[in-house]
Amino acid sequence: ASAERAAMQSALVLLAVPHGGRMERGGRRRSEPEENDKGRMKRTIIKDWKTRLSYFLQNSSNSNKRKSKKAGKHRNYFRPSPEEAQLWSEAFDELLANKYGLAAFRAFLKSEFCEENIEFWLACEDFKKTKSPQKLTLKAKKIYNDFIEREAPKEINIDFQTKNMIAQNIQEATHTCFSVAQKRVYSLMENNSYPRFLESEFYQELCKKTPISRAAQGT
C-alpha cells in the first residue's frame, strides 16, 4: 500500500509540473517565462533609455536647425563608436562636450529624477554667453525662478546662504551670478551621477563592440 501511495504521489508531481519548466533546488519548479524576466527587464530599461535619449537628441537637433536656418542644414547625431563612448569615462568634461554623450547623460539623470542638475548647468552655460545686459537680467530672473527660489519647479539642492547671495546678485545681474552654485552642481554630478552613469546598462551597451568586429579580430 505504501508503494502504491508513493507511486501515486510521484504521478501527481509529474502532472503538476508545467511543460518546459525546470526544477530548482528543494523541488521548486521555475518556468521558462520566469527565467526570462531578468532579460525582459533589461530590454525594457534599454528601450526606456533610448526613448528619453531620442527626445533630448531631437531637441538638440531642432535647436541647431534654428541656428543654421540660413544654411538650410540639419545635423543629426549618430550613435558613437564604442571607442568614442569609452572616452567619456576618462573625464566628466569629455562626456559633457559630446552632444550624444550629453543627451545620454540627461536621459540617465531623468531616469534618476534629478535632471534639474544638468538643466541648471546648461542654463548657466547659456547665461554666461549672453551679451545683452537686458537679456542677461531677464535670464538671471528666469534661472532664479526655475531653479533657485524655494519650491521652484526645478529646485536644485544648494545651501541657504548661496541662495541668498544669488537673490542679491541678480538685482544687478553679471555673468558670475550663478558661478558658485554652478560649480557645486557640477561637483555633485561629477562625484555622484557620473560614476553611476558609467556603470549603467545603457552606457555599457554603447561601449560594447559588435560580434562582427570581434570575429574580425579573431576572438
C-alpha atoms as a PDB file:
ATOM      1  CA  ALA A   1       0.000   0.000   0.000  1.00  0.00           C
ATOM      2  CA  SER A   2       2.834   2.343   0.861  1.00  0.00           C
ATOM      3  CA  ALA A   3       4.459   1.581  -2.500  1.00  0.00           C
ATOM      4  CA  GLU A   4       1.225   2.362  -4.353  1.00  0.00           C
ATOM      5  CA  ARG A   5       0.833   5.626  -2.400  1.00  0.00           C
ATOM      6  CA  ALA A   6       4.394   6.665  -3.308  1.00  0.00           C
ATOM      7  CA  ALA A   7       3.749   5.896  -6.983  1.00  0.00           C
ATOM      8  CA  MET A   8       0.548   7.971  -6.943  1.00  0.00           C
ATOM      9  CA  GLN A   9       2.374  10.905  -5.321  1.00  0.00           C
ATOM     10  CA  SER A  10       5.082  10.740  -7.978  1.00  0.00           C
ATOM     11  CA  ALA A  11       2.450  10.765 -10.726  1.00  0.00           C
ATOM     12  CA  LEU A  12       0.744  13.808  -9.195  1.00  0.00           C
ATOM     13  CA  VAL A  13       4.046  15.682  -9.034  1.00  0.00           C
ATOM     14  CA  LEU A  14       4.698  14.947 -12.700  1.00  0.00           C
ATOM     15  CA  LEU A  15       1.209  16.151 -13.670  1.00  0.00           C
ATOM     16  CA  ALA A  16       1.684  19.383 -11.706  1.00  0.00           C
ATOM     17  CA  VAL A  17       4.937  20.245 -13.464  1.00  0.00           C
ATOM     18  CA  PRO A  18       4.382  22.784 -16.324  1.00  0.00           C
ATOM     19  CA  HIS A  19       5.646  21.633 -19.688  1.00  0.00           C
ATOM     20  CA  GLY A  20       9.078  23.118 -20.423  1.00  0.00           C
ATOM     21  CA  GLY A  21       9.706  24.054 -16.791  1.00  0.00           C
ATOM     22  CA  ARG A  22      12.920  23.429 -14.864  1.00  0.00           C
ATOM     23  CA  MET A  23      13.307  22.046 -11.327  1.00  0.00           C
ATOM     24  CA  GLU A  24      15.167  24.190  -8.795  1.00  0.00           C
ATOM     25  CA  ARG A  25      16.727  23.062  -5.546  1.00  0.00           C
ATOM     26  CA  GLY A  26      14.210  21.902  -2.963  1.00  0.00           C
ATOM     27  CA  GLY A  27      11.839  20.578  -5.641  1.00  0.00           C
ATOM     28  CA  ARG A  28      10.561  24.066  -6.642  1.00  0.00           C
ATOM     29  CA  ARG A  29       9.700  24.382 -10.318  1.00  0.00           C
ATOM     30  CA  ARG A  30      10.641  27.534 -12.222  1.00  0.00           C
ATOM     31  CA  SER A  31       9.027  28.160 -15.605  1.00  0.00           C
ATOM     32  CA  GLU A  32      10.892  29.473 -18.636  1.00  0.00           C
ATOM     33  CA  PRO A  33       8.942  32.783 -18.644  1.00  0.00           C
ATOM     34  CA  GLU A  34      10.168  33.467 -15.102  1.00  0.00           C
ATOM     35  CA  GLU A  35      13.731  32.784 -16.172  1.00  0.00           C
ATOM     36  CA  ASN A  36      13.359  35.386 -18.928  1.00  0.00           C
ATOM     37  CA  ASP A  37      12.037  38.104 -16.587  1.00  0.00           C
ATOM     38  CA  LYS A  38      15.501  39.499 -15.980  1.00  0.00           C
ATOM     39  CA  GLY A  39      16.257  39.665 -19.691  1.00  0.00           C
ATOM     40  CA  ARG A  40      12.946  41.390 -20.423  1.00  0.00           C
ATOM     41  CA  MET A  41      13.564  43.893 -17.642  1.00  0.00           C
ATOM     42  CA  LYS A  42      16.984  44.737 -19.085  1.00  0.00           C
ATOM     43  CA  ARG A  43      15.486  45.218 -22.553  1.00  0.00           C
ATOM     44  CA  THR A  44      12.765  47.458 -21.098  1.00  0.00           C
ATOM     45  CA  ILE A  45      15.381  49.616 -19.343  1.00  0.00           C
ATOM     46  CA  ILE A  46      17.370  49.974 -22.579  1.00  0.00           C
ATOM     47  CA  LYS A  47      14.185  50.820 -24.512  1.00  0.00           C
ATOM     48  CA  ASP A  48      13.188  53.496 -21.987  1.00  0.00           C
ATOM     49  CA  TRP A  49      16.681  54.956 -22.186  1.00  0.00           C
ATOM     50  CA  LYS A  50      16.525  55.110 -25.984  1.00  0.00           C
ATOM     51  CA  THR A  51      13.144  56.868 -25.839  1.00  0.00           C
ATOM     52  CA  ARG A  52      14.485  59.554 -23.498  1.00  0.00           C
ATOM     53  CA  LEU A  53      17.713  59.829 -25.490  1.00  0.00           C
ATOM     54  CA  SER A  54      15.778  60.335 -28.741  1.00  0.00           C
ATOM     55  CA  TYR A  55      13.843  63.157 -27.100  1.00  0.00           C
ATOM     56  CA  PHE A  56      16.988  65.024 -25.999  1.00  0.00           C
ATOM     57  CA  LEU A  57      18.748  64.427 -29.326  1.00  0.00           C
ATOM     58  CA  GLN A  58      15.690  65.691 -31.194  1.00  0.00           C
ATOM     59  CA  ASN A  59      15.665  68.863 -29.099  1.00  0.00           C
ATOM     60  CA  SER A  60      19.375  69.399 -29.762  1.00  0.00           C
ATOM     61  CA  SER A  61      18.839  68.890 -33.480  1.00  0.00           C
ATOM     62  CA  ASN A  62      15.901  71.298 -33.552  1.00  0.00           C
ATOM     63  CA  SER A  63      17.965  73.913 -31.721  1.00  0.00           C
ATOM     64  CA  ASN A  64      20.818  73.603 -34.191  1.00  0.00           C
ATOM     65  CA  LYS A  65      18.373  73.645 -37.073  1.00  0.00           C
ATOM     66  CA  ARG A  66      17.065  77.016 -35.933  1.00  0.00           C
ATOM     67  CA  LYS A  67      20.600  78.377 -35.575  1.00  0.00           C
ATOM     68  CA  SER A  68      21.614  77.194 -39.042  1.00  0.00           C
ATOM     69  CA  LYS A  69      18.325  78.009 -40.771  1.00  0.00           C
ATOM     70  CA  LYS A  70      20.045  80.197 -43.369  1.00  0.00           C
ATOM     71  CA  ALA A  71      22.339  77.372 -44.366  1.00  0.00           C
ATOM     72  CA  GLY A  72      19.351  75.043 -44.613  1.00  0.00           C
ATOM     73  CA  LYS A  73      21.242  72.232 -42.923  1.00  0.00           C
ATOM     74  CA  HIS A  74      20.020  69.845 -40.254  1.00  0.00           C
ATOM     75  CA  ARG A  75      22.610  67.995 -38.215  1.00  0.00           C
ATOM     76  CA  ASN A  76      21.884  64.513 -36.946  1.00  0.00           C
ATOM     77  CA  TYR A  77      23.707  62.947 -34.045  1.00  0.00           C
ATOM     78  CA  PHE A  78      24.664  59.374 -34.750  1.00  0.00           C
ATOM     79  CA  ARG A  79      25.396  56.653 -32.239  1.00  0.00           C
ATOM     80  CA  PRO A  80      29.073  56.915 -31.245  1.00  0.00           C
ATOM     81  CA  SER A  81      31.543  54.135 -31.843  1.00  0.00           C
ATOM     82  CA  PRO A  82      32.471  52.011 -28.790  1.00  0.00           C
ATOM     83  CA  GLU A  83      35.883  53.696 -28.768  1.00  0.00           C
ATOM     84  CA  GLU A  84      34.315  57.160 -28.746  1.00  0.00           C
ATOM     85  CA  ALA A  85      31.897  56.194 -25.970  1.00  0.00           C
ATOM     86  CA  GLN A  86      34.765  54.804 -23.897  1.00  0.00           C
ATOM     87  CA  LEU A  87      36.432  58.233 -23.987  1.00  0.00           C
ATOM     88  CA  TRP A  88      33.571  59.579 -21.862  1.00  0.00           C
ATOM     89  CA  SER A  89      34.822  57.535 -18.929  1.00  0.00           C
ATOM     90  CA  GLU A  90      38.176  59.376 -18.942  1.00  0.00           C
ATOM     91  CA  ALA A  91      36.738  62.696 -17.762  1.00  0.00           C
ATOM     92  CA  PHE A  92      33.350  64.214 -16.993  1.00  0.00           C
ATOM     93  CA  ASP A  93      34.129  67.104 -19.367  1.00  0.00           C
ATOM     94  CA  GLU A  94      34.626  64.597 -22.211  1.00  0.00           C
ATOM     95  CA  LEU A  95      31.058  63.414 -21.681  1.00  0.00           C
ATOM     96  CA  LEU A  96      29.543  66.906 -21.492  1.00  0.00           C
ATOM     97  CA  ALA A  97      31.451  68.111 -24.570  1.00  0.00           C
ATOM     98  CA  ASN A  98      29.919  65.369 -26.735  1.00  0.00           C
ATOM     99  CA  LYS A  99      26.373  66.119 -27.974  1.00  0.00           C
ATOM    100  CA  TYR A 100      25.326  62.462 -27.930  1.00  0.00           C
ATOM    101  CA  GLY A 101      27.029  61.907 -24.581  1.00  0.00           C
ATOM    102  CA  LEU A 102      25.326  64.942 -23.064  1.00  0.00           C
ATOM    103  CA  ALA A 103      21.933  63.731 -24.296  1.00  0.00           C
ATOM    104  CA  ALA A 104      22.633  60.256 -22.885  1.00  0.00           C
ATOM    105  CA  PHE A 105      23.635  61.732 -19.518  1.00  0.00           C
ATOM    106  CA  ARG A 106      20.478  63.859 -19.434  1.00  0.00           C
ATOM    107  CA  ALA A 107      18.421  60.749 -20.142  1.00  0.00           C
ATOM    108  CA  PHE A 108      20.192  58.981 -17.275  1.00  0.00           C
ATOM    109  CA  LEU A 109      19.526  61.851 -14.841  1.00  0.00           C
ATOM    110  CA  LYS A 110      15.884  61.860 -15.887  1.00  0.00           C
ATOM    111  CA  SER A 111      15.702  58.160 -15.003  1.00  0.00           C
ATOM    112  CA  GLU A 112      17.067  59.066 -11.555  1.00  0.00           C
ATOM    113  CA  PHE A 113      14.637  62.003 -11.188  1.00  0.00           C
ATOM    114  CA  CYS A 114      17.419  64.578 -10.835  1.00  0.00           C
ATOM    115  CA  GLU A 115      17.557  66.085 -14.323  1.00  0.00           C
ATOM    116  CA  GLU A 116      17.272  69.560 -12.787  1.00  0.00           C
ATOM    117  CA  ASN A 117      21.032  69.443 -12.116  1.00  0.00           C
ATOM    118  CA  ILE A 118      22.096  69.181 -15.754  1.00  0.00           C
ATOM    119  CA  GLU A 119      19.336  71.571 -16.846  1.00  0.00           C
ATOM    120  CA  PHE A 120      20.594  74.179 -14.369  1.00  0.00           C
ATOM    121  CA  TRP A 121      24.184  73.665 -15.527  1.00  0.00           C
ATOM    122  CA  LEU A 122      23.153  74.102 -19.177  1.00  0.00           C
ATOM    123  CA  ALA A 123      21.100  77.202 -18.332  1.00  0.00           C
ATOM    124  CA  CYS A 124      24.191  78.687 -16.641  1.00  0.00           C
ATOM    125  CA  GLU A 125      26.351  77.902 -19.675  1.00  0.00           C
ATOM    126  CA  ASP A 126      23.858  79.706 -21.903  1.00  0.00           C
ATOM    127  CA  PHE A 127      23.622  82.576 -19.395  1.00  0.00           C
ATOM    128  CA  LYS A 128      27.387  83.150 -19.471  1.00  0.00           C
ATOM    129  CA  LYS A 129      27.295  83.531 -23.272  1.00  0.00           C
ATOM    130  CA  THR A 130      24.610  86.224 -23.166  1.00  0.00           C
ATOM    131  CA  LYS A 131      25.906  89.638 -24.283  1.00  0.00           C
ATOM    132  CA  SER A 132      22.880  91.932 -23.989  1.00  0.00           C
ATOM    133  CA  PRO A 133      22.537  93.422 -20.445  1.00  0.00           C
ATOM    134  CA  GLN A 134      18.742  93.386 -20.783  1.00  0.00           C
ATOM    135  CA  LYS A 135      18.675  89.704 -21.764  1.00  0.00           C
ATOM    136  CA  LEU A 136      21.170  88.941 -19.006  1.00  0.00           C
ATOM    137  CA  THR A 137      18.799  90.348 -16.370  1.00  0.00           C
ATOM    138  CA  LEU A 138      15.787  88.504 -17.822  1.00  0.00           C
ATOM    139  CA  LYS A 139      17.661  85.203 -17.976  1.00  0.00           C
ATOM    140  CA  ALA A 140      19.002  85.660 -14.446  1.00  0.00           C
ATOM    141  CA  LYS A 141      15.490  86.088 -13.071  1.00  0.00           C
ATOM    142  CA  LYS A 142      14.210  83.100 -15.026  1.00  0.00           C
ATOM    143  CA  ILE A 143      17.032  80.856 -13.763  1.00  0.00           C
ATOM    144  CA  TYR A 144      16.336  82.054 -10.220  1.00  0.00           C
ATOM    145  CA  ASN A 145      12.595  81.366 -10.570  1.00  0.00           C
ATOM    146  CA  ASP A 146      13.122  77.957 -12.196  1.00  0.00           C
ATOM    147  CA  PHE A 147      15.962  76.557 -10.090  1.00  0.00           C
ATOM    148  CA  ILE A 148      16.881  78.634  -7.041  1.00  0.00           C
ATOM    149  CA  GLU A 149      13.942  80.061  -5.116  1.00  0.00           C
ATOM    150  CA  ARG A 150      12.166  77.984  -2.500  1.00  0.00           C
ATOM    151  CA  GLU A 151       9.798  75.415  -4.034  1.00  0.00           C
ATOM    152  CA  ALA A 152      10.930  76.328  -7.555  1.00  0.00           C
ATOM    153  CA  PRO A 153       9.641  73.835 -10.171  1.00  0.00           C
ATOM    154  CA  LYS A 154      13.202  72.518 -10.737  1.00  0.00           C
ATOM    155  CA  GLU A 155      14.757  73.473  -7.406  1.00  0.00           C
ATOM    156  CA  ILE A 156      18.385  72.390  -7.080  1.00  0.00           C
ATOM    157  CA  ASN A 157      19.960  71.264  -3.832  1.00  0.00           C
ATOM    158  CA  ILE A 158      22.187  74.141  -2.663  1.00  0.00           C
ATOM    159  CA  ASP A 159      22.602  75.767   0.746  1.00  0.00           C
ATOM    160  CA  PHE A 160      20.532  78.696   2.034  1.00  0.00           C
ATOM    161  CA  GLN A 161      23.451  81.154   2.060  1.00  0.00           C
ATOM    162  CA  THR A 162      24.207  80.560  -1.622  1.00  0.00           C
ATOM    163  CA  LYS A 163      20.541  81.081  -2.479  1.00  0.00           C
ATOM    164  CA  ASN A 164      20.519  84.385  -0.612  1.00  0.00           C
ATOM    165  CA  MET A 165      23.699  85.507  -2.336  1.00  0.00           C
ATOM    166  CA  ILE A 166      22.166  84.746  -5.756  1.00  0.00           C
ATOM    167  CA  ALA A 167      18.968  86.606  -4.840  1.00  0.00           C
ATOM    168  CA  GLN A 168      21.055  89.708  -4.122  1.00  0.00           C
ATOM    169  CA  ASN A 169      23.319  89.340  -7.162  1.00  0.00           C
ATOM    170  CA  ILE A 170      20.542  89.108  -9.753  1.00  0.00           C
ATOM    171  CA  GLN A 171      19.359  92.609  -8.833  1.00  0.00           C
ATOM    172  CA  GLU A 172      22.327  93.821 -10.879  1.00  0.00           C
ATOM    173  CA  ALA A 173      22.994  90.729 -12.954  1.00  0.00           C
ATOM    174  CA  THR A 174      26.511  89.866 -14.086  1.00  0.00           C
ATOM    175  CA  HIS A 175      27.907  86.770 -15.779  1.00  0.00           C
ATOM    176  CA  THR A 176      29.132  85.456 -12.406  1.00  0.00           C
ATOM    177  CA  CYS A 177      25.716  85.483 -10.657  1.00  0.00           C
ATOM    178  CA  PHE A 178      25.445  81.694 -10.600  1.00  0.00           C
ATOM    179  CA  SER A 179      29.129  80.709 -10.626  1.00  0.00           C
ATOM    180  CA  VAL A 180      29.233  79.295  -7.077  1.00  0.00           C
ATOM    181  CA  ALA A 181      26.001  77.348  -7.493  1.00  0.00           C
ATOM    182  CA  GLN A 182      27.047  76.024 -10.905  1.00  0.00           C
ATOM    183  CA  LYS A 183      30.360  74.738  -9.524  1.00  0.00           C
ATOM    184  CA  ARG A 184      28.586  72.934  -6.690  1.00  0.00           C
ATOM    185  CA  VAL A 185      26.065  71.312  -9.013  1.00  0.00           C
ATOM    186  CA  TYR A 186      28.879  70.313 -11.387  1.00  0.00           C
ATOM    187  CA  SER A 187      30.776  68.723  -8.496  1.00  0.00           C
ATOM    188  CA  LEU A 188      27.628  66.916  -7.347  1.00  0.00           C
ATOM    189  CA  MET A 189      27.087  65.416 -10.800  1.00  0.00           C
ATOM    190  CA  GLU A 190      30.760  64.535 -11.275  1.00  0.00           C
ATOM    191  CA  ASN A 191      31.076  62.753  -7.929  1.00  0.00           C
ATOM    192  CA  ASN A 192      27.671  61.046  -7.794  1.00  0.00           C
ATOM    193  CA  SER A 193      25.665  60.793 -11.006  1.00  0.00           C
ATOM    194  CA  TYR A 194      28.603  60.479 -13.415  1.00  0.00           C
ATOM    195  CA  PRO A 195      30.071  57.295 -11.828  1.00  0.00           C
ATOM    196  CA  ARG A 196      26.599  55.717 -11.787  1.00  0.00           C
ATOM    197  CA  PHE A 197      26.108  56.649 -15.435  1.00  0.00           C
ATOM    198  CA  LEU A 198      29.348  54.851 -16.343  1.00  0.00           C
ATOM    199  CA  GLU A 199      28.027  51.719 -14.614  1.00  0.00           C
ATOM    200  CA  SER A 200      24.587  51.911 -16.256  1.00  0.00           C
ATOM    201  CA  GLU A 201      23.246  49.294 -18.665  1.00  0.00           C
ATOM    202  CA  PHE A 202      22.855  51.882 -21.413  1.00  0.00           C
ATOM    203  CA  TYR A 203      26.437  53.163 -21.255  1.00  0.00           C
ATOM    204  CA  GLN A 204      27.804  49.616 -21.108  1.00  0.00           C
ATOM    205  CA  GLU A 205      25.725  48.838 -24.195  1.00  0.00           C
ATOM    206  CA  LEU A 206      27.287  51.775 -26.062  1.00  0.00           C
ATOM    207  CA  CYS A 207      30.783  50.541 -25.200  1.00  0.00           C
ATOM    208  CA  LYS A 208      30.185  47.018 -26.489  1.00  0.00           C
ATOM    209  CA  LYS A 209      31.886  46.049 -29.722  1.00  0.00           C
ATOM    210  CA  THR A 210      29.802  44.213 -32.303  1.00  0.00           C
ATOM    211  CA  PRO A 211      30.242  40.419 -32.745  1.00  0.00           C
ATOM    212  CA  ILE A 212      31.470  41.114 -36.302  1.00  0.00           C
ATOM    213  CA  SER A 213      34.350  43.257 -35.076  1.00  0.00           C
ATOM    214  CA  ARG A 214      35.277  40.620 -32.508  1.00  0.00           C
ATOM    215  CA  ALA A 215      35.224  37.927 -35.190  1.00  0.00           C
ATOM    216  CA  ALA A 216      37.420  40.069 -37.384  1.00  0.00           C
ATOM    217  CA  GLN A 217      39.894  40.273 -34.526  1.00  0.00           C
ATOM    218  CA  GLY A 218      39.870  36.501 -34.245  1.00  0.00           C
ATOM    219  CA  THR A 219      38.372  36.463 -30.738  1.00  0.00           C
END
